[in-house]
């Protein structure tokens, strides 16, 4: 099994459609020998992430939540603030949630390289 390198230019692309394309490449769904229990995906490099776009009001209305570890406490981070500070984290989280929730997920997400 040979892994290929894919380079994707994010200029003008929607974050959701970009994430689905990346998730498919990381899982290896573009190959004829795809099997869900085998990690046969490729390496994916994303360029120009800051020039990607959002549809609708997601940038102003969407929030990310994180549990602090204390009872009844969680942190809420608006997507707009996270996009300004760490745009690669927004894309990585989106792709990570689209990958299958199994033991192969951590290996797949390590093959995603995001360049500003």
PDB file of N, CA and C in Angstrom:
ATOM      1  N   UNK A   1       0.848  -1.177   0.000  1.00  0.00           N
ATOM      2  CA  UNK A   1       0.000   0.000   0.000  1.00  0.00           C
ATOM      3  C   UNK A   1       0.892   1.238   0.000  1.00  0.00           C
ATOM      4  N   UNK A   2       0.725   2.055  -1.027  1.00  0.00           N
ATOM      5  CA  UNK A   2       1.488   3.289  -1.126  1.00  0.00           C
ATOM      6  C   UNK A   2       0.596   4.471  -0.809  1.00  0.00           C
ATOM      7  N   UNK A   3       1.119   5.366   0.000  1.00  0.00           N
ATOM      8  CA  UNK A   3       0.372   6.568   0.351  1.00  0.00           C
ATOM      9  C   UNK A   3       0.807   7.703  -0.558  1.00  0.00           C
ATOM     10  N   UNK A   4      -0.157   8.386  -1.143  1.00  0.00           N
ATOM     11  CA  UNK A   4       0.124   9.510  -2.014  1.00  0.00           C
ATOM     12  C   UNK A   4       0.043  10.799  -1.204  1.00  0.00           C
ATOM     13  N   UNK A   5       0.577  11.874  -1.774  1.00  0.00           N
ATOM     14  CA  UNK A   5       0.488  13.196  -1.168  1.00  0.00           C
ATOM     15  C   UNK A   5      -0.497  14.028  -1.979  1.00  0.00           C
ATOM     16  N   UNK A   6      -1.499  14.562  -1.303  1.00  0.00           N
ATOM     17  CA  UNK A   6      -2.484  15.433  -1.951  1.00  0.00           C
ATOM     18  C   UNK A   6      -2.322  16.838  -1.381  1.00  0.00           C
ATOM     19  N   UNK A   7      -2.322  17.831  -2.250  1.00  0.00           N
ATOM     20  CA  UNK A   7      -2.261  19.226  -1.834  1.00  0.00           C
ATOM     21  C   UNK A   7      -3.561  19.898  -2.250  1.00  0.00           C
ATOM     22  N   UNK A   8      -4.226  20.524  -1.277  1.00  0.00           N
ATOM     23  CA  UNK A   8      -5.510  21.171  -1.538  1.00  0.00           C
ATOM     24  C   UNK A   8      -5.375  22.659  -1.246  1.00  0.00           C
ATOM     25  N   UNK A   9      -5.798  23.480  -2.194  1.00  0.00           N
ATOM     26  CA  UNK A   9      -5.816  24.927  -2.004  1.00  0.00           C
ATOM     27  C   UNK A   9      -7.203  25.320  -1.500  1.00  0.00           C
ATOM     28  N   UNK A  10      -7.270  25.892  -0.313  1.00  0.00           N
ATOM     29  CA  UNK A  10      -8.545  26.189   0.333  1.00  0.00           C
ATOM     30  C   UNK A  10      -9.130  27.532  -0.076  1.00  0.00           C
ATOM     31  N   UNK A  11      -8.527  28.230  -1.004  1.00  0.00           N
ATOM     32  CA  UNK A  11      -8.990  29.556  -1.396  1.00  0.00           C
ATOM     33  C   UNK A  11     -10.402  29.483  -1.966  1.00  0.00           C
ATOM     34  N   UNK A  12     -11.343  30.177  -1.320  1.00  0.00           N
ATOM     35  CA  UNK A  12     -12.711  30.261  -1.794  1.00  0.00           C
ATOM     36  C   UNK A  12     -13.570  29.040  -1.524  1.00  0.00           C
ATOM     37  N   UNK A  13     -13.028  28.022  -0.885  1.00  0.00           N
ATOM     38  CA  UNK A  13     -13.805  26.808  -0.612  1.00  0.00           C
ATOM     39  C   UNK A  13     -14.536  26.932   0.720  1.00  0.00           C
ATOM     40  N   UNK A  14     -15.680  26.303   0.811  1.00  0.00           N
ATOM     41  CA  UNK A  14     -16.430  26.248   2.059  1.00  0.00           C
ATOM     42  C   UNK A  14     -15.744  25.266   3.005  1.00  0.00           C
ATOM     43  N   UNK A  15     -15.734  25.579   4.285  1.00  0.00           N
ATOM     44  CA  UNK A  15     -15.051  24.745   5.276  1.00  0.00           C
ATOM     45  C   UNK A  15     -15.660  23.343   5.332  1.00  0.00           C
ATOM     46  N   UNK A  16     -16.967  23.229   5.262  1.00  0.00           N
ATOM     47  CA  UNK A  16     -17.625  21.929   5.337  1.00  0.00           C
ATOM     48  C   UNK A  16     -17.297  21.042   4.152  1.00  0.00           C
ATOM     49  N   UNK A  17     -17.342  21.605   2.949  1.00  0.00           N
ATOM     50  CA  UNK A  17     -17.032  20.812   1.756  1.00  0.00           C
ATOM     51  C   UNK A  17     -15.555  20.455   1.696  1.00  0.00           C
ATOM     52  N   UNK A  18     -14.728  21.357   2.176  1.00  0.00           N
ATOM     53  CA  UNK A  18     -13.298  21.084   2.256  1.00  0.00           C
ATOM     54  C   UNK A  18     -13.030  19.942   3.238  1.00  0.00           C
ATOM     55  N   UNK A  19     -13.725  19.947   4.367  1.00  0.00           N
ATOM     56  CA  UNK A  19     -13.543  18.913   5.386  1.00  0.00           C
ATOM     57  C   UNK A  19     -13.971  17.541   4.886  1.00  0.00           C
ATOM     58  N   UNK A  20     -15.077  17.471   4.152  1.00  0.00           N
ATOM     59  CA  UNK A  20     -15.525  16.175   3.646  1.00  0.00           C
ATOM     60  C   UNK A  20     -14.551  15.617   2.614  1.00  0.00           C
ATOM     61  N   UNK A  21     -13.981  16.488   1.788  1.00  0.00           N
ATOM     62  CA  UNK A  21     -13.000  16.029   0.804  1.00  0.00           C
ATOM     63  C   UNK A  21     -11.749  15.500   1.501  1.00  0.00           C
ATOM     64  N   UNK A  22     -11.305  16.213   2.529  1.00  0.00           N
ATOM     65  CA  UNK A  22     -10.112  15.797   3.273  1.00  0.00           C
ATOM     66  C   UNK A  22     -10.370  14.486   4.006  1.00  0.00           C
ATOM     67  N   UNK A  23     -11.513  14.356   4.644  1.00  0.00           N
ATOM     68  CA  UNK A  23     -11.831  13.136   5.393  1.00  0.00           C
ATOM     69  C   UNK A  23     -11.861  11.918   4.471  1.00  0.00           C
ATOM     70  N   UNK A  24     -12.405  12.073   3.284  1.00  0.00           N
ATOM     71  CA  UNK A  24     -12.429  10.971   2.326  1.00  0.00           C
ATOM     72  C   UNK A  24     -11.035  10.542   1.901  1.00  0.00           C
ATOM     73  N   UNK A  25     -10.139  11.520   1.689  1.00  0.00           N
ATOM     74  CA  UNK A  25      -8.766  11.194   1.314  1.00  0.00           C
ATOM     75  C   UNK A  25      -8.010  10.536   2.467  1.00  0.00           C
ATOM     76  N   UNK A  26      -8.237  11.004   3.690  1.00  0.00           N
ATOM     77  CA  UNK A  26      -7.557  10.418   4.846  1.00  0.00           C
ATOM     78  C   UNK A  26      -8.004   8.982   5.109  1.00  0.00           C
ATOM     79  N   UNK A  27      -9.266   8.677   4.814  1.00  0.00           N
ATOM     80  CA  UNK A  27      -9.772   7.320   5.007  1.00  0.00           C
ATOM     81  C   UNK A  27      -9.390   6.397   3.856  1.00  0.00           C
ATOM     82  N   UNK A  28      -9.080   6.964   2.693  1.00  0.00           N
ATOM     83  CA  UNK A  28      -8.732   6.160   1.533  1.00  0.00           C
ATOM     84  C   UNK A  28      -9.925   5.782   0.689  1.00  0.00           C
ATOM     85  N   UNK A  29     -11.011   6.531   0.782  1.00  0.00           N
ATOM     86  CA  UNK A  29     -12.216   6.208   0.027  1.00  0.00           C
ATOM     87  C   UNK A  29     -12.060   6.479  -1.464  1.00  0.00           C
ATOM     88  N   UNK A  30     -11.001   7.154  -1.860  1.00  0.00           N
ATOM     89  CA  UNK A  30     -10.772   7.429  -3.273  1.00  0.00           C
ATOM     90  C   UNK A  30     -10.074   6.265  -3.974  1.00  0.00           C
ATOM     91  N   UNK A  31      -9.725   5.224  -3.247  1.00  0.00           N
ATOM     92  CA  UNK A  31      -9.004   4.087  -3.815  1.00  0.00           C
ATOM     93  C   UNK A  31      -9.953   2.927  -4.077  1.00  0.00           C
ATOM     94  N   UNK A  32      -9.605   2.129  -5.075  1.00  0.00           N
ATOM     95  CA  UNK A  32     -10.450   0.989  -5.439  1.00  0.00           C
ATOM     96  C   UNK A  32     -10.392  -0.111  -4.381  1.00  0.00           C
ATOM     97  N   UNK A  33      -9.292  -0.195  -3.650  1.00  0.00           N
ATOM     98  CA  UNK A  33      -9.111  -1.248  -2.645  1.00  0.00           C
ATOM     99  C   UNK A  33      -9.527  -0.780  -1.249  1.00  0.00           C
ATOM    100  N   UNK A  34     -10.487   0.132  -1.167  1.00  0.00           N
ATOM    101  CA  UNK A  34     -10.918   0.665   0.137  1.00  0.00           C
ATOM    102  C   UNK A  34     -11.617  -0.415   0.952  1.00  0.00           C
ATOM    103  N   UNK A  35     -11.186  -0.533   2.202  1.00  0.00           N
ATOM    104  CA  UNK A  35     -11.860  -1.381   3.182  1.00  0.00           C
ATOM    105  C   UNK A  35     -11.916  -0.607   4.482  1.00  0.00           C
ATOM    106  N   UNK A  36     -13.066  -0.550   5.164  1.00  0.00           N
ATOM    107  CA  UNK A  36     -13.196   0.310   6.330  1.00  0.00           C
ATOM    108  C   UNK A  36     -12.300  -0.077   7.501  1.00  0.00           C
ATOM    109  N   UNK A  37     -11.904  -1.344   7.585  1.00  0.00           N
ATOM    110  CA  UNK A  37     -11.091  -1.759   8.729  1.00  0.00           C
ATOM    111  C   UNK A  37      -9.594  -1.646   8.471  1.00  0.00           C
ATOM    112  N   UNK A  38      -9.209  -1.162   7.283  1.00  0.00           N
ATOM    113  CA  UNK A  38      -7.798  -0.997   6.935  1.00  0.00           C
ATOM    114  C   UNK A  38      -7.514   0.485   6.731  1.00  0.00           C
ATOM    115  N   UNK A  39      -6.414   0.951   7.322  1.00  0.00           N
ATOM    116  CA  UNK A  39      -6.032   2.351   7.190  1.00  0.00           C
ATOM    117  C   UNK A  39      -5.211   2.512   5.921  1.00  0.00           C
ATOM    118  N   UNK A  40      -5.863   2.821   4.819  1.00  0.00           N
ATOM    119  CA  UNK A  40      -5.187   2.946   3.536  1.00  0.00           C
ATOM    120  C   UNK A  40      -5.245   4.343   2.971  1.00  0.00           C
ATOM    121  N   UNK A  41      -5.401   5.345   3.820  1.00  0.00           N
ATOM    122  CA  UNK A  41      -5.547   6.720   3.363  1.00  0.00           C
ATOM    123  C   UNK A  41      -4.238   7.360   2.966  1.00  0.00           C
ATOM    124  N   UNK A  42      -4.332   8.561   2.448  1.00  0.00           N
ATOM    125  CA  UNK A  42      -3.180   9.302   1.944  1.00  0.00           C
ATOM    126  C   UNK A  42      -2.852  10.485   2.845  1.00  0.00           C
ATOM    127  N   UNK A  43      -1.724  11.138   2.539  1.00  0.00           N
ATOM    128  CA  UNK A  43      -1.349  12.372   3.219  1.00  0.00           C
ATOM    129  C   UNK A  43      -2.057  13.541   2.540  1.00  0.00           C
ATOM    130  N   UNK A  44      -2.527  14.499   3.322  1.00  0.00           N
ATOM    131  CA  UNK A  44      -3.228  15.658   2.777  1.00  0.00           C
ATOM    132  C   UNK A  44      -2.596  16.924   3.344  1.00  0.00           C
ATOM    133  N   UNK A  45      -2.229  17.842   2.463  1.00  0.00           N
ATOM    134  CA  UNK A  45      -1.683  19.141   2.852  1.00  0.00           C
ATOM    135  C   UNK A  45      -2.666  20.214   2.399  1.00  0.00           C
ATOM    136  N   UNK A  46      -3.020  21.115   3.301  1.00  0.00           N
ATOM    137  CA  UNK A  46      -3.968  22.188   2.991  1.00  0.00           C
ATOM    138  C   UNK A  46      -3.224  23.519   3.011  1.00  0.00           C
ATOM    139  N   UNK A  47      -3.396  24.306   1.953  1.00  0.00           N
ATOM    140  CA  UNK A  47      -2.758  25.619   1.851  1.00  0.00           C
ATOM    141  C   UNK A  47      -3.827  26.715   1.851  1.00  0.00           C
ATOM    142  N   UNK A  48      -3.432  27.908   2.203  1.00  0.00           N
ATOM    143  CA  UNK A  48      -4.279  29.109   2.151  1.00  0.00           C
ATOM    144  C   UNK A  48      -5.577  28.936   2.929  1.00  0.00           C
ATOM    145  N   UNK A  49      -5.492  28.448   4.127  1.00  0.00           N
ATOM    146  CA  UNK A  49      -6.695  28.202   4.926  1.00  0.00           C
ATOM    147  C   UNK A  49      -7.398  29.498   5.313  1.00  0.00           C
ATOM    148  N   UNK A  50      -6.648  30.567   5.524  1.00  0.00           N
ATOM    149  CA  UNK A  50      -7.263  31.835   5.928  1.00  0.00           C
ATOM    150  C   UNK A  50      -8.201  32.401   4.864  1.00  0.00           C
ATOM    151  N   UNK A  51      -8.074  31.932   3.624  1.00  0.00           N
ATOM    152  CA  UNK A  51      -8.902  32.450   2.546  1.00  0.00           C
ATOM    153  C   UNK A  51     -10.116  31.571   2.277  1.00  0.00           C
ATOM    154  N   UNK A  52     -10.347  30.594   3.136  1.00  0.00           N
ATOM    155  CA  UNK A  52     -11.554  29.766   3.012  1.00  0.00           C
ATOM    156  C   UNK A  52     -12.755  30.577   3.490  1.00  0.00           C
ATOM    157  N   UNK A  53     -13.952  30.124   3.144  1.00  0.00           N
ATOM    158  CA  UNK A  53     -15.144  30.896   3.493  1.00  0.00           C
ATOM    159  C   UNK A  53     -16.120  30.059   4.311  1.00  0.00           C
ATOM    160  N   UNK A  54     -17.020  30.748   4.974  1.00  0.00           N
ATOM    161  CA  UNK A  54     -18.085  30.116   5.736  1.00  0.00           C
ATOM    162  C   UNK A  54     -19.412  30.485   5.091  1.00  0.00           C
ATOM    163  N   UNK A  55     -20.360  29.553   5.099  1.00  0.00           N
ATOM    164  CA  UNK A  55     -21.682  29.833   4.565  1.00  0.00           C
ATOM    165  C   UNK A  55     -22.634  30.128   5.710  1.00  0.00           C
ATOM    166  N   UNK A  56     -23.622  30.927   5.436  1.00  0.00           N
ATOM    167  CA  UNK A  56     -24.614  31.249   6.461  1.00  0.00           C
ATOM    168  C   UNK A  56     -24.021  32.090   7.578  1.00  0.00           C
ATOM    169  N   UNK A  57     -24.557  31.921   8.787  1.00  0.00           N
ATOM    170  CA  UNK A  57     -24.134  32.704   9.947  1.00  0.00           C
ATOM    171  C   UNK A  57     -23.286  31.889  10.914  1.00  0.00           C
ATOM    172  N   UNK A  58     -22.643  30.833  10.402  1.00  0.00           N
ATOM    173  CA  UNK A  58     -21.865  29.956  11.277  1.00  0.00           C
ATOM    174  C   UNK A  58     -20.758  30.699  12.006  1.00  0.00           C
ATOM    175  N   UNK A  59     -20.107  31.608  11.329  1.00  0.00           N
ATOM    176  CA  UNK A  59     -18.965  32.294  11.926  1.00  0.00           C
ATOM    177  C   UNK A  59     -19.359  33.094  13.161  1.00  0.00           C
ATOM    178  N   UNK A  60     -20.567  33.626  13.180  1.00  0.00           N
ATOM    179  CA  UNK A  60     -20.993  34.444  14.325  1.00  0.00           C
ATOM    180  C   UNK A  60     -21.819  33.658  15.334  1.00  0.00           C
ATOM    181  N   UNK A  61     -22.491  32.591  14.919  1.00  0.00           N
ATOM    182  CA  UNK A  61     -23.409  31.897  15.823  1.00  0.00           C
ATOM    183  C   UNK A  61     -22.873  30.598  16.406  1.00  0.00           C
ATOM    184  N   UNK A  62     -21.914  29.944  15.747  1.00  0.00           N
ATOM    185  CA  UNK A  62     -21.442  28.633  16.215  1.00  0.00           C
ATOM    186  C   UNK A  62     -20.473  28.789  17.381  1.00  0.00           C
ATOM    187  N   UNK A  63     -20.595  27.895  18.353  1.00  0.00           N
ATOM    188  CA  UNK A  63     -19.712  27.880  19.517  1.00  0.00           C
ATOM    189  C   UNK A  63     -19.100  26.499  19.673  1.00  0.00           C
ATOM    190  N   UNK A  64     -17.897  26.468  20.212  1.00  0.00           N
ATOM    191  CA  UNK A  64     -17.249  25.210  20.567  1.00  0.00           C
ATOM    192  C   UNK A  64     -17.260  25.103  22.087  1.00  0.00           C
ATOM    193  N   UNK A  65     -17.558  23.909  22.592  1.00  0.00           N
ATOM    194  CA  UNK A  65     -17.659  23.685  24.023  1.00  0.00           C
ATOM    195  C   UNK A  65     -16.585  22.699  24.469  1.00  0.00           C
ATOM    196  N   UNK A  66     -16.054  22.952  25.679  1.00  0.00           N
ATOM    197  CA  UNK A  66     -15.029  22.079  26.236  1.00  0.00           C
ATOM    198  C   UNK A  66     -15.297  21.925  27.717  1.00  0.00           C
ATOM    199  N   UNK A  67     -15.321  20.693  28.186  1.00  0.00           N
ATOM    200  CA  UNK A  67     -15.572  20.415  29.596  1.00  0.00           C
ATOM    201  C   UNK A  67     -14.300  20.657  30.385  1.00  0.00           C
ATOM    202  N   UNK A  68     -14.406  21.375  31.502  1.00  0.00           N
ATOM    203  CA  UNK A  68     -13.231  21.743  32.286  1.00  0.00           C
ATOM    204  C   UNK A  68     -12.784  20.647  33.248  1.00  0.00           C
ATOM    205  N   UNK A  69     -13.656  19.728  33.567  1.00  0.00           N
ATOM    206  CA  UNK A  69     -13.308  18.682  34.517  1.00  0.00           C
ATOM    207  C   UNK A  69     -14.009  18.872  35.845  1.00  0.00           C
ATOM    208  N   UNK A  70     -14.618  20.030  36.048  1.00  0.00           N
ATOM    209  CA  UNK A  70     -15.349  20.306  37.271  1.00  0.00           C
ATOM    210  C   UNK A  70     -16.848  20.161  37.015  1.00  0.00           C
ATOM    211  N   UNK A  71     -17.578  19.808  38.028  1.00  0.00           N
ATOM    212  CA  UNK A  71     -19.006  19.552  37.882  1.00  0.00           C
ATOM    213  C   UNK A  71     -19.734  20.822  37.432  1.00  0.00           C
ATOM    214  N   UNK A  72     -20.477  20.705  36.356  1.00  0.00           N
ATOM    215  CA  UNK A  72     -21.290  21.812  35.868  1.00  0.00           C
ATOM    216  C   UNK A  72     -20.523  22.901  35.155  1.00  0.00           C
ATOM    217  N   UNK A  73     -19.251  22.710  34.866  1.00  0.00           N
ATOM    218  CA  UNK A  73     -18.459  23.760  34.221  1.00  0.00           C
ATOM    219  C   UNK A  73     -18.001  23.325  32.849  1.00  0.00           C
ATOM    220  N   UNK A  74     -18.116  24.240  31.904  1.00  0.00           N
ATOM    221  CA  UNK A  74     -17.578  24.037  30.584  1.00  0.00           C
ATOM    222  C   UNK A  74     -17.189  25.390  30.028  1.00  0.00           C
ATOM    223  N   UNK A  75     -16.258  25.376  29.087  1.00  0.00           N
ATOM    224  CA  UNK A  75     -15.832  26.618  28.456  1.00  0.00           C
ATOM    225  C   UNK A  75     -16.469  26.705  27.078  1.00  0.00           C
ATOM    226  N   UNK A  76     -16.885  27.882  26.744  1.00  0.00           N
ATOM    227  CA  UNK A  76     -17.536  28.143  25.466  1.00  0.00           C
ATOM    228  C   UNK A  76     -16.670  29.118  24.686  1.00  0.00           C
ATOM    229  N   UNK A  77     -16.279  28.725  23.466  1.00  0.00           N
ATOM    230  CA  UNK A  77     -15.436  29.575  22.633  1.00  0.00           C
ATOM    231  C   UNK A  77     -16.181  29.840  21.329  1.00  0.00           C
ATOM    232  N   UNK A  78     -16.467  31.099  20.997  1.00  0.00           N
ATOM    233  CA  UNK A  78     -17.133  31.403  19.728  1.00  0.00           C
ATOM    234  C   UNK A  78     -16.229  31.054  18.539  1.00  0.00           C
ATOM    235  N   UNK A  79     -16.834  30.592  17.457  1.00  0.00           N
ATOM    236  CA  UNK A  79     -16.064  30.196  16.288  1.00  0.00           C
ATOM    237  C   UNK A  79     -15.288  31.363  15.694  1.00  0.00           C
ATOM    238  N   UNK A  80     -15.840  32.546  15.752  1.00  0.00           N
ATOM    239  CA  UNK A  80     -15.169  33.701  15.166  1.00  0.00           C
ATOM    240  C   UNK A  80     -13.844  33.981  15.880  1.00  0.00           C
ATOM    241  N   UNK A  81     -13.830  33.886  17.207  1.00  0.00           N
ATOM    242  CA  UNK A  81     -12.598  34.122  17.954  1.00  0.00           C
ATOM    243  C   UNK A  81     -11.581  33.012  17.685  1.00  0.00           C
ATOM    244  N   UNK A  82     -12.044  31.771  17.620  1.00  0.00           N
ATOM    245  CA  UNK A  82     -11.151  30.656  17.351  1.00  0.00           C
ATOM    246  C   UNK A  82     -10.580  30.741  15.936  1.00  0.00           C
ATOM    247  N   UNK A  83     -11.397  31.185  14.977  1.00  0.00           N
ATOM    248  CA  UNK A  83     -10.944  31.332  13.593  1.00  0.00           C
ATOM    249  C   UNK A  83      -9.869  32.407  13.474  1.00  0.00           C
ATOM    250  N   UNK A  84     -10.008  33.491  14.243  1.00  0.00           N
ATOM    251  CA  UNK A  84      -9.016  34.558  14.199  1.00  0.00           C
ATOM    252  C   UNK A  84      -7.703  34.128  14.848  1.00  0.00           C
ATOM    253  N   UNK A  85      -7.794  33.341  15.937  1.00  0.00           N
ATOM    254  CA  UNK A  85      -6.591  32.939  16.668  1.00  0.00           C
ATOM    255  C   UNK A  85      -5.942  31.696  16.071  1.00  0.00           C
ATOM    256  N   UNK A  86      -6.728  30.644  15.820  1.00  0.00           N
ATOM    257  CA  UNK A  86      -6.193  29.365  15.358  1.00  0.00           C
ATOM    258  C   UNK A  86      -7.095  28.766  14.274  1.00  0.00           C
ATOM    259  N   UNK A  87      -6.992  29.231  13.033  1.00  0.00           N
ATOM    260  CA  UNK A  87      -7.864  28.685  11.984  1.00  0.00           C
ATOM    261  C   UNK A  87      -7.606  27.206  11.708  1.00  0.00           C
ATOM    262  N   UNK A  88      -6.382  26.749  11.939  1.00  0.00           N
ATOM    263  CA  UNK A  88      -6.088  25.334  11.698  1.00  0.00           C
ATOM    264  C   UNK A  88      -6.839  24.437  12.668  1.00  0.00           C
ATOM    265  N   UNK A  89      -7.146  24.926  13.854  1.00  0.00           N
ATOM    266  CA  UNK A  89      -7.888  24.132  14.832  1.00  0.00           C
ATOM    267  C   UNK A  89      -9.354  23.961  14.416  1.00  0.00           C
ATOM    268  N   UNK A  90      -9.915  24.964  13.759  1.00  0.00           N
ATOM    269  CA  UNK A  90     -11.298  24.867  13.273  1.00  0.00           C
ATOM    270  C   UNK A  90     -11.402  23.779  12.208  1.00  0.00           C
ATOM    271  N   UNK A  91     -10.467  23.777  11.260  1.00  0.00           N
ATOM    272  CA  UNK A  91     -10.491  22.760  10.199  1.00  0.00           C
ATOM    273  C   UNK A  91     -10.180  21.380  10.761  1.00  0.00           C
ATOM    274  N   UNK A  92      -9.197  21.288  11.638  1.00  0.00           N
ATOM    275  CA  UNK A  92      -8.816  19.990  12.207  1.00  0.00           C
ATOM    276  C   UNK A  92      -9.978  19.371  12.992  1.00  0.00           C
ATOM    277  N   UNK A  93     -10.689  20.196  13.769  1.00  0.00           N
ATOM    278  CA  UNK A  93     -11.833  19.703  14.533  1.00  0.00           C
ATOM    279  C   UNK A  93     -12.944  19.236  13.608  1.00  0.00           C
ATOM    280  N   UNK A  94     -13.168  19.986  12.542  1.00  0.00           N
ATOM    281  CA  UNK A  94     -14.213  19.619  11.586  1.00  0.00           C
ATOM    282  C   UNK A  94     -13.899  18.282  10.915  1.00  0.00           C
ATOM    283  N   UNK A  95     -12.647  18.096  10.500  1.00  0.00           N
ATOM    284  CA  UNK A  95     -12.248  16.846   9.849  1.00  0.00           C
ATOM    285  C   UNK A  95     -12.279  15.698  10.849  1.00  0.00           C
ATOM    286  N   UNK A  96     -11.806  15.934  12.067  1.00  0.00           N
ATOM    287  CA  UNK A  96     -11.752  14.895  13.085  1.00  0.00           C
ATOM    288  C   UNK A  96     -13.135  14.348  13.394  1.00  0.00           C
ATOM    289  N   UNK A  97     -14.136  15.208  13.428  1.00  0.00           N
ATOM    290  CA  UNK A  97     -15.495  14.772  13.721  1.00  0.00           C
ATOM    291  C   UNK A  97     -16.133  14.029  12.554  1.00  0.00           C
ATOM    292  N   UNK A  98     -15.546  14.129  11.348  1.00  0.00           N
ATOM    293  CA  UNK A  98     -16.067  13.406  10.193  1.00  0.00           C
ATOM    294  C   UNK A  98     -15.423  12.037  10.010  1.00  0.00           C
ATOM    295  N   UNK A  99     -14.313  11.801  10.694  1.00  0.00           N
ATOM    296  CA  UNK A  99     -13.648  10.510  10.595  1.00  0.00           C
ATOM    297  C   UNK A  99     -14.361   9.489  11.470  1.00  0.00           C
ATOM    298  N   UNK A 100     -14.222   8.194  11.156  1.00  0.00           N
ATOM    299  CA  UNK A 100     -14.883   7.172  11.978  1.00  0.00           C
ATOM    300  C   UNK A 100     -14.334   7.151  13.397  1.00  0.00           C
ATOM    301  N   UNK A 101     -15.215   6.912  14.344  1.00  0.00           N
ATOM    302  CA  UNK A 101     -14.829   6.932  15.753  1.00  0.00           C
ATOM    303  C   UNK A 101     -14.316   5.549  16.144  1.00  0.00           C
ATOM    304  N   UNK A 102     -13.082   5.243  15.753  1.00  0.00           N
ATOM    305  CA  UNK A 102     -12.476   3.960  16.095  1.00  0.00           C
ATOM    306  C   UNK A 102     -10.979   4.153  16.327  1.00  0.00           C
ATOM    307  N   UNK A 103     -10.251   3.063  16.439  1.00  0.00           N
ATOM    308  CA  UNK A 103      -8.830   3.135  16.772  1.00  0.00           C
ATOM    309  C   UNK A 103      -7.980   3.711  15.643  1.00  0.00           C
ATOM    310  N   UNK A 104      -8.499   3.748  14.438  1.00  0.00           N
ATOM    311  CA  UNK A 104      -7.744   4.255  13.303  1.00  0.00           C
ATOM    312  C   UNK A 104      -7.789   5.777  13.186  1.00  0.00           C
ATOM    313  N   UNK A 105      -8.704   6.414  13.902  1.00  0.00           N
ATOM    314  CA  UNK A 105      -8.918   7.855  13.754  1.00  0.00           C
ATOM    315  C   UNK A 105      -7.674   8.673  14.085  1.00  0.00           C
ATOM    316  N   UNK A 106      -6.978   8.343  15.164  1.00  0.00           N
ATOM    317  CA  UNK A 106      -5.791   9.110  15.542  1.00  0.00           C
ATOM    318  C   UNK A 106      -4.687   8.981  14.497  1.00  0.00           C
ATOM    319  N   UNK A 107      -4.551   7.815  13.895  1.00  0.00           N
ATOM    320  CA  UNK A 107      -3.545   7.630  12.854  1.00  0.00           C
ATOM    321  C   UNK A 107      -3.902   8.416  11.597  1.00  0.00           C
ATOM    322  N   UNK A 108      -5.197   8.478  11.300  1.00  0.00           N
ATOM    323  CA  UNK A 108      -5.641   9.199  10.105  1.00  0.00           C
ATOM    324  C   UNK A 108      -5.408  10.703  10.248  1.00  0.00           C
ATOM    325  N   UNK A 109      -5.732  11.261  11.388  1.00  0.00           N
ATOM    326  CA  UNK A 109      -5.658  12.719  11.555  1.00  0.00           C
ATOM    327  C   UNK A 109      -4.206  13.192  11.603  1.00  0.00           C
ATOM    328  N   UNK A 110      -3.284  12.308  11.922  1.00  0.00           N
ATOM    329  CA  UNK A 110      -1.863  12.687  11.940  1.00  0.00           C
ATOM    330  C   UNK A 110      -1.321  12.915  10.540  1.00  0.00           C
ATOM    331  N   UNK A 111      -2.020  12.410   9.531  1.00  0.00           N
ATOM    332  CA  UNK A 111      -1.584  12.612   8.152  1.00  0.00           C
ATOM    333  C   UNK A 111      -2.123  13.903   7.543  1.00  0.00           C
ATOM    334  N   UNK A 112      -2.833  14.694   8.332  1.00  0.00           N
ATOM    335  CA  UNK A 112      -3.337  15.997   7.868  1.00  0.00           C
ATOM    336  C   UNK A 112      -2.341  17.078   8.241  1.00  0.00           C
ATOM    337  N   UNK A 113      -1.861  17.813   7.243  1.00  0.00           N
ATOM    338  CA  UNK A 113      -0.898  18.892   7.446  1.00  0.00           C
ATOM    339  C   UNK A 113      -1.550  20.176   6.984  1.00  0.00           C
ATOM    340  N   UNK A 114      -1.640  21.159   7.882  1.00  0.00           N
ATOM    341  CA  UNK A 114      -2.290  22.419   7.553  1.00  0.00           C
ATOM    342  C   UNK A 114      -1.244  23.531   7.568  1.00  0.00           C
ATOM    343  N   UNK A 115      -1.085  24.192   6.422  1.00  0.00           N
ATOM    344  CA  UNK A 115      -0.134  25.297   6.303  1.00  0.00           C
ATOM    345  C   UNK A 115      -0.913  26.590   6.133  1.00  0.00           C
ATOM    346  N   UNK A 116      -0.424  27.623   6.749  1.00  0.00           N
ATOM    347  CA  UNK A 116      -1.095  28.911   6.654  1.00  0.00           C
ATOM    348  C   UNK A 116      -0.798  29.497   5.328  1.00  0.00           C
TER     349      UNK A 116
END
